[in-house]
Amino acid sequence: MSTLRNKVQLIGNLGNNPEIITLDSGKKLAKFSLATNESYKNTEGEKITNTEWHNLIAWNKTAEIVEKYLEKGNEIAIEGKLTSRSYEDKDGAKKYITEVVINELLMLGNKQ
């Protein structure tokens, strides 16, 4: 392992319709959530499913593809990098958020 990378791969379903923002520079930004599920059997043999929610960001051409083709429920696979940032909410409180910035996007199927 000579080089370590910040690389995230997820397969899941969109939790909401993407929010598309066009910046003053003309660049497009798409923001949406992705649900991933993991299942296991507990000690009683019951199937338990845990859902994790991920905040995703797409820029430029990828954002245009998201805008044109994706909606709530679509199944996708993505590859990207994990980023963290802070911002102030409307009340002036500092908030922290972790997001995945998408490098590659693959549409897998219809709504789930």
N, C-alpha and C. Protein backbone atom coordinates (compact mmCIF):
# COMPACT_ATOMS: atom_id res chain seq x y z
N MET A 1 0.84 -1.18 0.00
CA MET A 1 0.00 0.00 0.00
C MET A 1 0.88 1.24 0.00
N SER A 2 1.45 1.53 -1.14
CA SER A 2 2.33 2.69 -1.21
C SER A 2 1.56 4.00 -1.21
N THR A 3 0.34 3.99 -1.75
CA THR A 3 -0.47 5.21 -1.73
C THR A 3 -1.85 4.88 -1.18
N LEU A 4 -2.29 5.69 -0.27
CA LEU A 4 -3.64 5.54 0.28
C LEU A 4 -4.53 6.55 -0.41
N ARG A 5 -5.78 6.18 -0.64
CA ARG A 5 -6.69 7.05 -1.37
C ARG A 5 -7.97 7.27 -0.58
N ASN A 6 -8.57 8.40 -0.85
CA ASN A 6 -9.89 8.72 -0.32
C ASN A 6 -10.88 8.30 -1.40
N LYS A 7 -11.43 7.09 -1.25
CA LYS A 7 -12.29 6.52 -2.28
C LYS A 7 -13.51 5.88 -1.63
N VAL A 8 -14.69 6.24 -2.13
CA VAL A 8 -15.95 5.71 -1.61
C VAL A 8 -16.72 5.08 -2.76
N GLN A 9 -17.27 3.89 -2.54
CA GLN A 9 -18.14 3.24 -3.51
C GLN A 9 -19.44 2.88 -2.81
N LEU A 10 -20.56 3.29 -3.40
CA LEU A 10 -21.87 3.03 -2.82
C LEU A 10 -22.85 2.56 -3.89
N ILE A 11 -23.74 1.66 -3.50
CA ILE A 11 -24.87 1.27 -4.33
C ILE A 11 -26.11 1.44 -3.47
N GLY A 12 -27.07 2.20 -3.98
CA GLY A 12 -28.28 2.44 -3.20
C GLY A 12 -29.35 3.14 -4.00
N ASN A 13 -30.35 3.65 -3.28
CA ASN A 13 -31.49 4.31 -3.91
C ASN A 13 -31.57 5.76 -3.46
N LEU A 14 -31.92 6.63 -4.41
CA LEU A 14 -32.09 8.04 -4.09
C LEU A 14 -33.21 8.21 -3.08
N GLY A 15 -32.94 9.00 -2.04
CA GLY A 15 -33.93 9.24 -1.00
C GLY A 15 -34.81 10.43 -1.28
N ASN A 16 -34.42 11.24 -2.26
CA ASN A 16 -35.19 12.43 -2.61
C ASN A 16 -34.87 12.81 -4.05
N ASN A 17 -35.69 13.67 -4.63
CA ASN A 17 -35.35 14.21 -5.95
C ASN A 17 -34.16 15.13 -5.79
N PRO A 18 -33.21 15.09 -6.71
CA PRO A 18 -32.02 15.93 -6.59
C PRO A 18 -32.36 17.42 -6.59
N GLU A 19 -31.62 18.17 -5.78
CA GLU A 19 -31.71 19.63 -5.78
C GLU A 19 -30.63 20.12 -6.74
N ILE A 20 -31.02 20.88 -7.74
CA ILE A 20 -30.08 21.38 -8.75
C ILE A 20 -29.86 22.87 -8.51
N ILE A 21 -28.59 23.25 -8.42
CA ILE A 21 -28.23 24.65 -8.19
C ILE A 21 -27.31 25.08 -9.32
N THR A 22 -27.64 26.21 -9.96
CA THR A 22 -26.75 26.79 -10.97
C THR A 22 -26.06 27.99 -10.32
N LEU A 23 -24.74 27.93 -10.23
CA LEU A 23 -23.96 28.99 -9.61
C LEU A 23 -23.81 30.18 -10.55
N ASP A 24 -23.41 31.32 -10.00
CA ASP A 24 -23.20 32.53 -10.80
C ASP A 24 -22.21 32.28 -11.94
N SER A 25 -21.26 31.37 -11.70
CA SER A 25 -20.25 31.06 -12.71
C SER A 25 -20.81 30.21 -13.85
N GLY A 26 -22.05 29.71 -13.68
CA GLY A 26 -22.66 28.85 -14.69
C GLY A 26 -22.50 27.37 -14.38
N LYS A 27 -21.63 27.04 -13.41
CA LYS A 27 -21.45 25.64 -13.03
C LYS A 27 -22.70 25.11 -12.36
N LYS A 28 -22.99 23.82 -12.61
CA LYS A 28 -24.15 23.18 -11.98
C LYS A 28 -23.69 22.29 -10.84
N LEU A 29 -24.56 22.24 -9.83
CA LEU A 29 -24.33 21.43 -8.64
C LEU A 29 -25.61 20.65 -8.36
N ALA A 30 -25.48 19.35 -8.14
CA ALA A 30 -26.63 18.52 -7.76
C ALA A 30 -26.39 17.97 -6.36
N LYS A 31 -27.40 18.08 -5.50
CA LYS A 31 -27.32 17.57 -4.14
C LYS A 31 -28.48 16.61 -3.92
N PHE A 32 -28.19 15.44 -3.35
CA PHE A 32 -29.25 14.48 -3.04
C PHE A 32 -28.75 13.47 -2.02
N SER A 33 -29.68 12.71 -1.47
CA SER A 33 -29.33 11.69 -0.49
C SER A 33 -29.45 10.30 -1.13
N LEU A 34 -28.64 9.38 -0.61
CA LEU A 34 -28.64 8.00 -1.09
C LEU A 34 -28.78 7.08 0.11
N ALA A 35 -29.70 6.12 0.01
CA ALA A 35 -29.90 5.12 1.07
C ALA A 35 -29.21 3.82 0.67
N THR A 36 -28.39 3.29 1.59
CA THR A 36 -27.80 1.97 1.39
C THR A 36 -28.31 1.06 2.50
N ASN A 37 -28.53 -0.20 2.17
CA ASN A 37 -29.07 -1.16 3.14
C ASN A 37 -28.08 -2.29 3.38
N GLU A 38 -28.03 -2.72 4.64
CA GLU A 38 -27.22 -3.87 5.01
C GLU A 38 -28.08 -4.77 5.88
N SER A 39 -28.11 -6.06 5.56
CA SER A 39 -28.97 -7.00 6.29
C SER A 39 -28.14 -8.07 6.97
N TYR A 40 -28.66 -8.54 8.10
CA TYR A 40 -28.04 -9.64 8.82
C TYR A 40 -29.12 -10.35 9.63
N LYS A 41 -28.79 -11.53 10.16
CA LYS A 41 -29.73 -12.25 11.01
C LYS A 41 -29.27 -12.11 12.46
N ASN A 42 -30.22 -11.78 13.34
CA ASN A 42 -29.89 -11.66 14.75
C ASN A 42 -29.83 -13.05 15.39
N THR A 43 -29.62 -13.10 16.70
CA THR A 43 -29.46 -14.39 17.38
C THR A 43 -30.73 -15.24 17.34
N GLU A 44 -31.89 -14.61 17.13
CA GLU A 44 -33.14 -15.36 17.00
C GLU A 44 -33.41 -15.79 15.56
N GLY A 45 -32.51 -15.46 14.64
CA GLY A 45 -32.68 -15.83 13.25
C GLY A 45 -33.53 -14.87 12.44
N GLU A 46 -33.91 -13.74 13.04
CA GLU A 46 -34.71 -12.74 12.33
C GLU A 46 -33.81 -11.88 11.46
N LYS A 47 -34.31 -11.57 10.27
CA LYS A 47 -33.56 -10.70 9.36
C LYS A 47 -33.71 -9.25 9.82
N ILE A 48 -32.59 -8.59 10.02
CA ILE A 48 -32.56 -7.19 10.43
C ILE A 48 -31.90 -6.39 9.30
N THR A 49 -32.54 -5.30 8.89
CA THR A 49 -31.99 -4.44 7.84
C THR A 49 -31.71 -3.06 8.42
N ASN A 50 -30.48 -2.61 8.27
CA ASN A 50 -30.10 -1.26 8.68
C ASN A 50 -29.93 -0.41 7.44
N THR A 51 -30.49 0.79 7.48
CA THR A 51 -30.36 1.74 6.37
C THR A 51 -29.45 2.88 6.80
N GLU A 52 -28.46 3.18 5.97
CA GLU A 52 -27.56 4.32 6.18
C GLU A 52 -27.88 5.36 5.12
N TRP A 53 -27.86 6.64 5.50
CA TRP A 53 -28.12 7.73 4.57
C TRP A 53 -26.84 8.49 4.29
N HIS A 54 -26.60 8.77 3.02
CA HIS A 54 -25.37 9.46 2.58
C HIS A 54 -25.75 10.71 1.81
N ASN A 55 -25.04 11.81 2.08
CA ASN A 55 -25.23 13.06 1.33
C ASN A 55 -24.30 13.04 0.14
N LEU A 56 -24.85 13.20 -1.07
CA LEU A 56 -24.06 13.16 -2.29
C LEU A 56 -24.08 14.50 -3.01
N ILE A 57 -22.95 14.81 -3.66
CA ILE A 57 -22.77 16.05 -4.43
C ILE A 57 -22.24 15.67 -5.81
N ALA A 58 -22.81 16.26 -6.85
CA ALA A 58 -22.30 16.07 -8.22
C ALA A 58 -22.11 17.44 -8.85
N TRP A 59 -21.04 17.59 -9.62
CA TRP A 59 -20.71 18.86 -10.27
C TRP A 59 -20.77 18.73 -11.78
N ASN A 60 -21.00 19.84 -12.44
CA ASN A 60 -20.86 20.02 -13.89
C ASN A 60 -21.60 18.97 -14.71
N LYS A 61 -20.89 18.23 -15.58
CA LYS A 61 -21.55 17.25 -16.47
C LYS A 61 -22.28 16.17 -15.68
N THR A 62 -21.68 15.73 -14.58
CA THR A 62 -22.36 14.72 -13.76
C THR A 62 -23.64 15.29 -13.18
N ALA A 63 -23.61 16.55 -12.76
CA ALA A 63 -24.82 17.21 -12.24
C ALA A 63 -25.89 17.31 -13.32
N GLU A 64 -25.48 17.56 -14.55
CA GLU A 64 -26.44 17.63 -15.66
C GLU A 64 -27.11 16.27 -15.90
N ILE A 65 -26.33 15.19 -15.79
CA ILE A 65 -26.88 13.84 -15.94
C ILE A 65 -27.86 13.55 -14.81
N VAL A 66 -27.47 13.92 -13.59
CA VAL A 66 -28.35 13.74 -12.43
C VAL A 66 -29.67 14.48 -12.65
N GLU A 67 -29.57 15.74 -13.09
CA GLU A 67 -30.76 16.56 -13.32
C GLU A 67 -31.69 15.94 -14.37
N LYS A 68 -31.10 15.40 -15.42
CA LYS A 68 -31.88 14.90 -16.55
C LYS A 68 -32.51 13.53 -16.29
N TYR A 69 -31.80 12.66 -15.57
CA TYR A 69 -32.22 11.26 -15.51
C TYR A 69 -32.62 10.72 -14.14
N LEU A 70 -32.22 11.37 -13.05
CA LEU A 70 -32.44 10.75 -11.74
C LEU A 70 -33.60 11.38 -10.97
N GLU A 71 -34.29 10.53 -10.22
CA GLU A 71 -35.36 10.99 -9.34
C GLU A 71 -35.43 10.04 -8.14
N LYS A 72 -36.20 10.45 -7.16
CA LYS A 72 -36.35 9.68 -5.93
C LYS A 72 -36.66 8.22 -6.25
N GLY A 73 -35.93 7.30 -5.59
CA GLY A 73 -36.17 5.88 -5.75
C GLY A 73 -35.24 5.19 -6.73
N ASN A 74 -34.61 5.94 -7.66
CA ASN A 74 -33.72 5.31 -8.64
C ASN A 74 -32.55 4.62 -7.94
N GLU A 75 -32.16 3.46 -8.47
CA GLU A 75 -31.00 2.74 -7.95
C GLU A 75 -29.77 3.14 -8.76
N ILE A 76 -28.70 3.52 -8.05
CA ILE A 76 -27.46 3.93 -8.71
C ILE A 76 -26.25 3.35 -7.98
N ALA A 77 -25.13 3.33 -8.69
CA ALA A 77 -23.83 3.04 -8.10
C ALA A 77 -22.97 4.27 -8.32
N ILE A 78 -22.22 4.65 -7.29
CA ILE A 78 -21.35 5.81 -7.44
C ILE A 78 -19.96 5.49 -6.90
N GLU A 79 -19.00 6.24 -7.40
CA GLU A 79 -17.66 6.24 -6.84
C GLU A 79 -17.29 7.70 -6.64
N GLY A 80 -16.68 8.00 -5.53
CA GLY A 80 -16.32 9.38 -5.26
C GLY A 80 -15.37 9.49 -4.10
N LYS A 81 -15.26 10.71 -3.55
CA LYS A 81 -14.39 10.93 -2.40
C LYS A 81 -15.20 11.54 -1.26
N LEU A 82 -14.80 11.21 -0.05
CA LEU A 82 -15.46 11.70 1.15
C LEU A 82 -14.91 13.07 1.51
N THR A 83 -15.80 14.04 1.73
CA THR A 83 -15.38 15.39 2.12
C THR A 83 -16.19 15.83 3.33
N SER A 84 -15.60 16.69 4.14
CA SER A 84 -16.28 17.27 5.29
C SER A 84 -16.13 18.77 5.24
N ARG A 85 -17.16 19.47 5.69
CA ARG A 85 -17.11 20.93 5.71
C ARG A 85 -18.02 21.44 6.82
N SER A 86 -17.88 22.72 7.13
CA SER A 86 -18.75 23.34 8.11
C SER A 86 -19.42 24.55 7.48
N TYR A 87 -20.54 24.95 8.05
CA TYR A 87 -21.27 26.13 7.58
C TYR A 87 -22.09 26.67 8.75
N GLU A 88 -22.60 27.88 8.59
CA GLU A 88 -23.48 28.46 9.61
C GLU A 88 -24.92 28.37 9.14
N ASP A 89 -25.80 27.89 10.03
CA ASP A 89 -27.21 27.82 9.67
C ASP A 89 -27.85 29.20 9.80
N LYS A 90 -29.15 29.29 9.54
CA LYS A 90 -29.84 30.58 9.53
C LYS A 90 -29.83 31.26 10.90
N ASP A 91 -29.61 30.48 11.97
CA ASP A 91 -29.55 31.04 13.32
C ASP A 91 -28.12 31.36 13.75
N GLY A 92 -27.15 31.16 12.85
CA GLY A 92 -25.76 31.45 13.15
C GLY A 92 -25.01 30.33 13.85
N ALA A 93 -25.65 29.17 14.02
CA ALA A 93 -24.99 28.04 14.67
C ALA A 93 -24.11 27.32 13.66
N LYS A 94 -22.92 26.92 14.10
CA LYS A 94 -21.99 26.21 13.22
C LYS A 94 -22.44 24.76 13.09
N LYS A 95 -22.56 24.29 11.85
CA LYS A 95 -22.97 22.91 11.55
C LYS A 95 -21.86 22.23 10.75
N TYR A 96 -21.78 20.92 10.90
CA TYR A 96 -20.79 20.13 10.18
C TYR A 96 -21.52 19.10 9.32
N ILE A 97 -20.99 18.85 8.14
CA ILE A 97 -21.61 17.89 7.23
C ILE A 97 -20.51 17.10 6.51
N THR A 98 -20.79 15.82 6.30
CA THR A 98 -19.91 14.96 5.51
C THR A 98 -20.66 14.58 4.25
N GLU A 99 -19.99 14.72 3.10
CA GLU A 99 -20.61 14.46 1.80
C GLU A 99 -19.69 13.61 0.95
N VAL A 100 -20.28 12.93 -0.02
CA VAL A 100 -19.50 12.21 -1.02
C VAL A 100 -19.59 13.00 -2.32
N VAL A 101 -18.44 13.41 -2.84
CA VAL A 101 -18.38 14.12 -4.12
C VAL A 101 -18.20 13.05 -5.20
N ILE A 102 -19.16 12.96 -6.11
CA ILE A 102 -19.20 11.89 -7.10
C ILE A 102 -18.20 12.12 -8.22
N ASN A 103 -17.40 11.08 -8.51
CA ASN A 103 -16.51 11.07 -9.68
C ASN A 103 -17.12 10.27 -10.82
N GLU A 104 -17.78 9.15 -10.47
CA GLU A 104 -18.39 8.28 -11.47
C GLU A 104 -19.79 7.89 -11.00
N LEU A 105 -20.70 7.79 -11.97
CA LEU A 105 -22.10 7.47 -11.67
C LEU A 105 -22.59 6.43 -12.67
N LEU A 106 -23.26 5.39 -12.16
CA LEU A 106 -23.83 4.36 -13.00
C LEU A 106 -25.29 4.17 -12.59
N MET A 107 -26.19 4.31 -13.56
CA MET A 107 -27.61 4.09 -13.29
C MET A 107 -27.89 2.59 -13.41
N LEU A 108 -28.44 1.99 -12.36
CA LEU A 108 -28.60 0.53 -12.32
C LEU A 108 -30.00 0.05 -12.65
N GLY A 109 -31.00 0.79 -12.29
CA GLY A 109 -32.35 0.29 -12.52
C GLY A 109 -33.38 1.36 -12.30
N ASN A 110 -34.61 0.93 -12.26
CA ASN A 110 -35.73 1.84 -12.05
C ASN A 110 -35.92 2.11 -10.57
N LYS A 111 -37.00 2.78 -10.26
CA LYS A 111 -37.33 3.09 -8.87
C LYS A 111 -37.52 1.81 -8.08
N GLN A 112 -37.13 1.86 -6.82
CA GLN A 112 -37.32 0.73 -5.91
C GLN A 112 -38.40 1.06 -4.92
